[in-house]
Amino acid sequence: MRTYIFIRLLQTIPVLLGITFIAFILMYLSPGDPAEITLRAIMNTDKPPDEAVRELQAEMNLDKPWYIQYTSWLSRALSGDLGYSYQTRRSTVEEISRAFPVTFLLSTIAMAFSCLIAVPIGILAGIKQNGVIDHLSRGISILGLSIPDFFLGIIGILFFSIYLHILPVAGYKGPEYLIIPAFALSASLFAITLRLMRTSMAEVLEEEYIRTAVAKGLSKPVIIRRHAIKNAIIPVITYMGTQYGWLFGGAMIIESLFALPGLGRLFVDAASTRDIMVMQGCVLVFALIFVIINLCIDFSYYFLDPRVREDNVL
């Protein structure tokens, strides 16, 4: 187990370095001078003085070659210093710390919606193929994939906020402000999880070891509970784990629609003003989230799939 964990941790190092390098190069090659854009906002002018632009470029290390800029930022990031926002003058760590809980709650609630509803329905649809539940699940999944999340968000605002007056429209003052956004964000995830769980369950029930268990006289509920679900849920865990990471980055539209002060909106605002320190900090956080989630998925395989444990022993 320790060897398995150690190898997986070592594999994350080049992944993180590669993500940060690619993100830095994309920001470096993007049009616009961050120093000039920053001074335009601060001075409220279309043409800031050239001397002020050069001074800010030197402060932001923009006057140095790209590889020096990257290594300088990476060395500071490894020590926990992500710089500061040139718009708000607050540290990047502080900006991210204020935004991360909102996005974390939003993504977690959206994932909970999908997991707690889609997985049981998918299991029932896989057990009773071509039945009423199976046909309904197909219709629901097609509908969930067809409707954009921002449109569901608008419908949720009209119905629950304007007509029924039971949920707030926008902003963030507590978890109740995340119910409609999380529902809208979870629609496509719910649809794919439902279909994947149904398909995986149906395939597992056709395996030879399931037929052997039936031949031994085990009851259908016991077979499903002890053998089928445990094996059928492995690909679902893989998909939901990776999608949980995508929810953090994909929440930009929903956070902007509902005026939520999350990571997605922070990144969009930073990108619009070329606030590079905040942009790089957000990318680093997104990368860490993906790496941690993938590690958790790998560790879950170790406990759910005996083949992984056998290969690790060998």
Protein backbone atom coordinates (compact mmCIF):
# COMPACT_ATOMS: atom_id res chain seq x y z
CA MET A 1 0.00 0.00 0.00
CA ARG A 2 2.79 2.44 0.90
CA THR A 3 4.62 1.69 -2.35
CA TYR A 4 1.42 2.21 -4.33
CA ILE A 5 0.80 5.58 -2.67
CA PHE A 6 4.42 6.67 -3.07
CA ILE A 7 4.47 5.87 -6.80
CA ARG A 8 1.20 7.75 -7.37
CA LEU A 9 2.51 10.78 -5.50
CA LEU A 10 5.70 10.82 -7.55
CA GLN A 11 3.65 10.71 -10.75
CA THR A 12 1.80 13.88 -9.77
CA ILE A 13 4.96 16.04 -9.73
CA PRO A 14 5.56 16.17 -13.53
CA VAL A 15 1.81 16.57 -14.09
CA LEU A 16 1.66 19.67 -11.89
CA LEU A 17 4.80 21.13 -13.45
CA GLY A 18 3.44 20.52 -16.94
CA ILE A 19 0.10 22.16 -16.17
CA THR A 20 1.69 25.24 -14.63
CA PHE A 21 4.12 25.57 -17.53
CA ILE A 22 1.43 25.31 -20.21
CA ALA A 23 -0.81 27.76 -18.35
CA PHE A 24 2.08 30.23 -18.01
CA ILE A 25 2.95 30.02 -21.71
CA LEU A 26 -0.69 30.59 -22.73
CA MET A 27 -0.88 33.66 -20.51
CA TYR A 28 2.49 34.88 -21.76
CA LEU A 29 1.42 34.61 -25.40
CA SER A 30 -2.01 36.15 -24.90
CA PRO A 31 -2.41 39.68 -26.35
CA GLY A 32 -2.30 42.79 -24.20
CA ASP A 33 0.20 44.22 -21.75
CA PRO A 34 -0.83 43.35 -18.16
CA ALA A 35 0.98 46.41 -16.80
CA GLU A 36 -0.75 48.80 -19.19
CA ILE A 37 -4.17 47.19 -18.60
CA THR A 38 -3.67 47.45 -14.84
CA LEU A 39 -2.70 51.12 -15.01
CA ARG A 40 -5.69 51.89 -17.22
CA ALA A 41 -7.98 50.59 -14.49
CA ILE A 42 -6.08 52.28 -11.65
CA MET A 43 -5.65 55.67 -13.35
CA ASN A 44 -8.98 55.53 -15.19
CA THR A 45 -7.33 56.55 -18.46
CA ASP A 46 -6.94 55.00 -21.88
CA LYS A 47 -3.26 55.95 -22.19
CA PRO A 48 -1.21 55.68 -18.98
CA PRO A 49 2.26 57.34 -18.94
CA ASP A 50 5.01 55.25 -20.52
CA GLU A 51 7.25 55.71 -17.48
CA ALA A 52 4.57 54.32 -15.17
CA VAL A 53 4.06 51.37 -17.52
CA ARG A 54 7.78 50.57 -17.52
CA GLU A 55 7.96 50.79 -13.72
CA LEU A 56 5.03 48.40 -13.30
CA GLN A 57 6.50 46.04 -15.89
CA ALA A 58 9.69 45.90 -13.85
CA GLU A 59 7.69 45.30 -10.66
CA MET A 60 5.77 42.47 -12.35
CA ASN A 61 8.99 41.00 -13.87
CA LEU A 62 7.54 41.51 -17.35
CA ASP A 63 10.78 43.09 -18.54
CA LYS A 64 12.63 39.78 -18.07
CA PRO A 65 12.69 36.72 -20.40
CA TRP A 66 9.79 34.29 -20.13
CA TYR A 67 11.83 31.48 -18.53
CA ILE A 68 13.02 33.79 -15.75
CA GLN A 69 9.43 34.93 -15.17
CA TYR A 70 8.27 31.31 -14.94
CA THR A 71 11.04 30.04 -12.66
CA SER A 72 10.67 33.10 -10.43
CA TRP A 73 6.93 32.56 -10.05
CA LEU A 74 7.33 28.80 -9.54
CA SER A 75 9.97 29.24 -6.82
CA ARG A 76 7.74 31.69 -4.96
CA ALA A 77 4.71 29.41 -5.38
CA LEU A 78 6.60 26.48 -3.85
CA SER A 79 7.22 28.61 -0.76
CA GLY A 80 3.53 29.59 -0.57
CA ASP A 81 3.90 33.06 -2.05
CA LEU A 82 1.57 33.52 -5.04
CA GLY A 83 2.09 37.26 -5.30
CA TYR A 84 -0.72 39.79 -5.05
CA SER A 85 -3.53 41.18 -7.19
CA TYR A 86 -2.58 44.31 -9.10
CA GLN A 87 -6.24 45.33 -9.13
CA THR A 88 -7.26 44.91 -5.48
CA ARG A 89 -3.73 45.05 -3.99
CA ARG A 90 -4.58 42.01 -1.85
CA SER A 91 -2.49 38.85 -1.81
CA THR A 92 -3.44 36.11 -4.24
CA VAL A 93 -3.67 33.61 -1.39
CA GLU A 94 -6.19 35.85 0.34
CA GLU A 95 -8.23 36.25 -2.86
CA ILE A 96 -8.30 32.50 -3.44
CA SER A 97 -9.08 31.76 0.22
CA ARG A 98 -12.14 34.01 0.00
CA ALA A 99 -13.38 32.41 -3.23
CA PHE A 100 -12.54 28.72 -2.74
CA PRO A 101 -15.21 27.85 -0.11
CA VAL A 102 -17.99 29.10 -2.40
CA THR A 103 -16.85 27.03 -5.37
CA PHE A 104 -16.16 24.02 -3.15
CA LEU A 105 -19.68 24.10 -1.71
CA LEU A 106 -21.24 24.69 -5.13
CA SER A 107 -19.37 21.77 -6.73
CA THR A 108 -19.97 19.45 -3.77
CA ILE A 109 -23.71 20.13 -3.68
CA ALA A 110 -23.92 19.61 -7.45
CA MET A 111 -22.02 16.34 -7.13
CA ALA A 112 -24.30 15.23 -4.26
CA PHE A 113 -27.38 15.94 -6.37
CA SER A 114 -26.01 13.73 -9.15
CA CYS A 115 -24.67 10.94 -6.95
CA LEU A 116 -27.63 10.52 -4.61
CA ILE A 117 -30.22 10.50 -7.39
CA ALA A 118 -28.53 9.23 -10.56
CA VAL A 119 -26.74 6.21 -9.07
CA PRO A 120 -29.82 4.54 -7.48
CA ILE A 121 -31.95 5.19 -10.57
CA GLY A 122 -29.17 3.85 -12.80
CA ILE A 123 -28.92 0.68 -10.70
CA LEU A 124 -32.68 0.07 -10.94
CA ALA A 125 -32.67 0.77 -14.68
CA GLY A 126 -29.81 -1.70 -15.19
CA ILE A 127 -31.56 -4.40 -13.16
CA LYS A 128 -34.94 -3.94 -14.88
CA GLN A 129 -33.83 -3.34 -18.45
CA ASN A 130 -36.46 -2.07 -20.93
CA GLY A 131 -38.86 -1.49 -18.06
CA VAL A 132 -40.64 1.69 -17.07
CA ILE A 133 -37.74 2.98 -14.96
CA ASP A 134 -35.29 2.24 -17.77
CA HIS A 135 -37.32 4.17 -20.35
CA LEU A 136 -37.81 7.09 -17.96
CA SER A 137 -34.09 7.20 -17.21
CA ARG A 138 -33.29 7.39 -20.91
CA GLY A 139 -35.67 10.30 -21.39
CA ILE A 140 -34.32 12.13 -18.33
CA SER A 141 -30.71 11.66 -19.41
CA ILE A 142 -31.39 12.95 -22.95
CA LEU A 143 -33.21 15.94 -21.49
CA GLY A 144 -30.39 16.67 -19.06
CA LEU A 145 -27.78 16.59 -21.81
CA SER A 146 -29.88 18.75 -24.16
CA ILE A 147 -30.55 21.70 -21.84
CA PRO A 148 -27.62 24.09 -21.16
CA ASP A 149 -26.84 24.65 -17.49
CA PHE A 150 -27.25 28.44 -17.72
CA PHE A 151 -30.77 27.96 -19.18
CA LEU A 152 -31.68 25.69 -16.26
CA GLY A 153 -30.33 28.38 -13.96
CA ILE A 154 -32.61 30.99 -15.51
CA ILE A 155 -35.62 28.64 -15.26
CA GLY A 156 -34.76 27.97 -11.62
CA ILE A 157 -34.63 31.71 -10.89
CA LEU A 158 -38.01 32.31 -12.55
CA PHE A 159 -39.75 29.39 -10.82
CA PHE A 160 -38.23 29.17 -7.34
CA SER A 161 -37.20 32.78 -6.78
CA ILE A 162 -39.64 35.00 -8.68
CA TYR A 163 -42.83 32.90 -8.71
CA LEU A 164 -42.55 30.87 -5.49
CA HIS A 165 -40.27 33.22 -3.48
CA ILE A 166 -38.64 30.32 -1.64
CA LEU A 167 -35.02 30.72 -2.78
CA PRO A 168 -32.80 33.80 -3.29
CA VAL A 169 -32.10 35.06 -6.80
CA ALA A 170 -28.37 35.80 -6.75
CA GLY A 171 -25.44 36.74 -4.57
CA TYR A 172 -24.10 34.73 -1.66
CA LYS A 173 -24.96 35.02 2.01
CA GLY A 174 -25.31 31.34 2.89
CA PRO A 175 -25.68 27.78 1.49
CA GLU A 176 -29.30 28.42 0.43
CA TYR A 177 -27.94 30.69 -2.30
CA LEU A 178 -26.24 27.67 -3.89
CA ILE A 179 -29.26 25.39 -4.33
CA ILE A 180 -30.43 26.68 -7.73
CA PRO A 181 -26.88 27.11 -9.13
CA ALA A 182 -25.91 23.60 -7.97
CA PHE A 183 -29.03 22.12 -9.54
CA ALA A 184 -28.25 23.85 -12.85
CA LEU A 185 -24.59 22.82 -12.71
CA SER A 186 -25.43 19.16 -12.00
CA ALA A 187 -27.81 18.59 -14.95
CA SER A 188 -25.34 17.21 -17.50
CA LEU A 189 -23.37 15.34 -14.83
CA PHE A 190 -26.60 13.75 -13.60
CA ALA A 191 -27.58 12.65 -17.11
CA ILE A 192 -24.25 11.01 -17.97
CA THR A 193 -23.88 9.39 -14.54
CA LEU A 194 -27.36 7.91 -14.86
CA ARG A 195 -26.64 6.38 -18.28
CA LEU A 196 -23.19 5.16 -17.26
CA MET A 197 -24.50 3.50 -14.10
CA ARG A 198 -27.31 1.82 -16.03
CA THR A 199 -24.98 0.53 -18.75
CA SER A 200 -22.34 -0.66 -16.31
CA MET A 201 -24.92 -2.45 -14.16
CA ALA A 202 -26.45 -4.18 -17.17
CA GLU A 203 -23.03 -5.37 -18.37
CA VAL A 204 -22.01 -6.69 -14.97
CA LEU A 205 -25.22 -8.70 -14.62
CA GLU A 206 -24.26 -10.57 -17.80
CA GLU A 207 -20.85 -11.64 -16.46
CA GLU A 208 -20.01 -15.29 -15.82
CA TYR A 209 -19.42 -14.86 -12.09
CA ILE A 210 -22.96 -13.49 -11.71
CA ARG A 211 -24.34 -16.59 -13.45
CA THR A 212 -22.18 -18.76 -11.20
CA ALA A 213 -23.61 -17.01 -8.14
CA VAL A 214 -27.14 -17.63 -9.43
CA ALA A 215 -26.31 -21.29 -10.04
CA LYS A 216 -25.08 -21.59 -6.45
CA GLY A 217 -28.50 -20.51 -5.24
CA LEU A 218 -27.76 -17.02 -4.01
CA SER A 219 -30.76 -14.72 -4.03
CA LYS A 220 -30.91 -11.83 -6.50
CA PRO A 221 -30.73 -9.09 -3.82
CA VAL A 222 -27.62 -10.70 -2.33
CA ILE A 223 -25.97 -11.02 -5.75
CA ILE A 224 -26.70 -7.41 -6.60
CA ARG A 225 -25.58 -6.06 -3.23
CA ARG A 226 -22.43 -8.15 -2.76
CA HIS A 227 -21.17 -8.60 -6.31
CA ALA A 228 -22.86 -6.51 -8.98
CA ILE A 229 -22.93 -3.01 -7.47
CA LYS A 230 -19.35 -3.17 -6.22
CA ASN A 231 -18.03 -3.93 -9.72
CA ALA A 232 -20.49 -1.82 -11.70
CA ILE A 233 -19.75 1.35 -9.75
CA ILE A 234 -16.00 1.42 -10.54
CA PRO A 235 -16.33 3.19 -13.94
CA VAL A 236 -18.93 5.50 -12.40
CA ILE A 237 -16.46 6.50 -9.66
CA THR A 238 -13.86 7.23 -12.33
CA TYR A 239 -16.22 9.45 -14.29
CA MET A 240 -17.69 11.26 -11.29
CA GLY A 241 -14.24 11.82 -9.82
CA THR A 242 -12.90 13.48 -12.95
CA GLN A 243 -16.11 15.47 -13.40
CA TYR A 244 -15.89 16.71 -9.82
CA GLY A 245 -12.66 18.41 -10.82
CA TRP A 246 -14.28 19.83 -13.95
CA LEU A 247 -17.09 21.28 -11.83
CA PHE A 248 -14.58 23.60 -10.17
CA GLY A 249 -13.44 25.01 -13.49
CA GLY A 250 -16.78 24.71 -15.26
CA ALA A 251 -18.60 26.77 -12.66
CA MET A 252 -17.49 30.04 -14.28
CA ILE A 253 -20.73 30.62 -16.21
CA ILE A 254 -22.96 29.65 -13.30
CA GLU A 255 -21.00 31.78 -10.83
CA SER A 256 -21.22 34.76 -13.18
CA LEU A 257 -24.95 34.21 -13.75
CA PHE A 258 -25.73 34.05 -10.03
CA ALA A 259 -23.09 36.61 -8.96
CA LEU A 260 -21.30 34.05 -6.77
CA PRO A 261 -17.87 35.11 -5.49
CA GLY A 262 -16.21 31.81 -6.36
CA LEU A 263 -12.99 30.70 -8.03
CA GLY A 264 -14.52 30.64 -11.50
CA ARG A 265 -15.69 34.22 -11.31
CA LEU A 266 -12.38 35.26 -9.73
CA PHE A 267 -10.51 33.76 -12.68
CA VAL A 268 -12.82 35.40 -15.24
CA ASP A 269 -12.42 38.81 -13.58
CA ALA A 270 -8.65 38.36 -13.41
CA ALA A 271 -8.49 37.30 -17.07
CA SER A 272 -10.49 40.34 -18.18
CA THR A 273 -7.96 42.65 -16.52
CA ARG A 274 -4.86 40.47 -17.17
CA ASP A 275 -4.25 40.20 -13.42
CA ILE A 276 -1.62 37.54 -14.02
CA MET A 277 -0.77 36.70 -10.41
CA VAL A 278 -4.39 35.86 -9.62
CA MET A 279 -4.78 33.97 -12.90
CA GLN A 280 -1.71 31.84 -12.23
CA GLY A 281 -2.83 31.22 -8.66
CA CYS A 282 -6.26 30.04 -9.83
CA VAL A 283 -4.72 27.73 -12.43
CA LEU A 284 -2.44 26.24 -9.77
CA VAL A 285 -5.42 25.61 -7.47
CA PHE A 286 -7.41 23.99 -10.30
CA ALA A 287 -4.43 21.76 -11.09
CA LEU A 288 -4.04 20.73 -7.45
CA ILE A 289 -7.74 19.90 -7.25
CA PHE A 290 -7.51 17.64 -10.30
CA VAL A 291 -4.42 15.89 -8.98
CA ILE A 292 -5.91 15.30 -5.53
CA ILE A 293 -9.16 13.97 -7.00
CA ASN A 294 -7.31 11.59 -9.32
CA LEU A 295 -5.23 10.36 -6.39
CA CYS A 296 -8.42 9.66 -4.46
CA ILE A 297 -9.79 7.73 -7.46
CA ASP A 298 -6.62 5.63 -7.67
CA PHE A 299 -6.76 4.90 -3.95
CA SER A 300 -10.42 3.87 -4.23
CA TYR A 301 -9.41 1.35 -6.92
CA TYR A 302 -6.99 -0.18 -4.45
CA PHE A 303 -9.85 -1.01 -2.07
CA LEU A 304 -12.60 -1.75 -4.61
CA ASP A 305 -10.71 -3.81 -7.19
CA PRO A 306 -8.73 -6.83 -5.92
CA ARG A 307 -6.74 -6.91 -9.19
CA VAL A 308 -5.08 -3.61 -8.29
CA ARG A 309 -3.97 -4.98 -4.93
CA GLU A 310 -2.62 -8.16 -6.58
CA ASP A 311 -0.67 -6.20 -9.19
CA ASN A 312 0.78 -3.97 -6.47
CA VAL A 313 1.91 -7.00 -4.45
CA LEU A 314 3.54 -8.52 -7.47
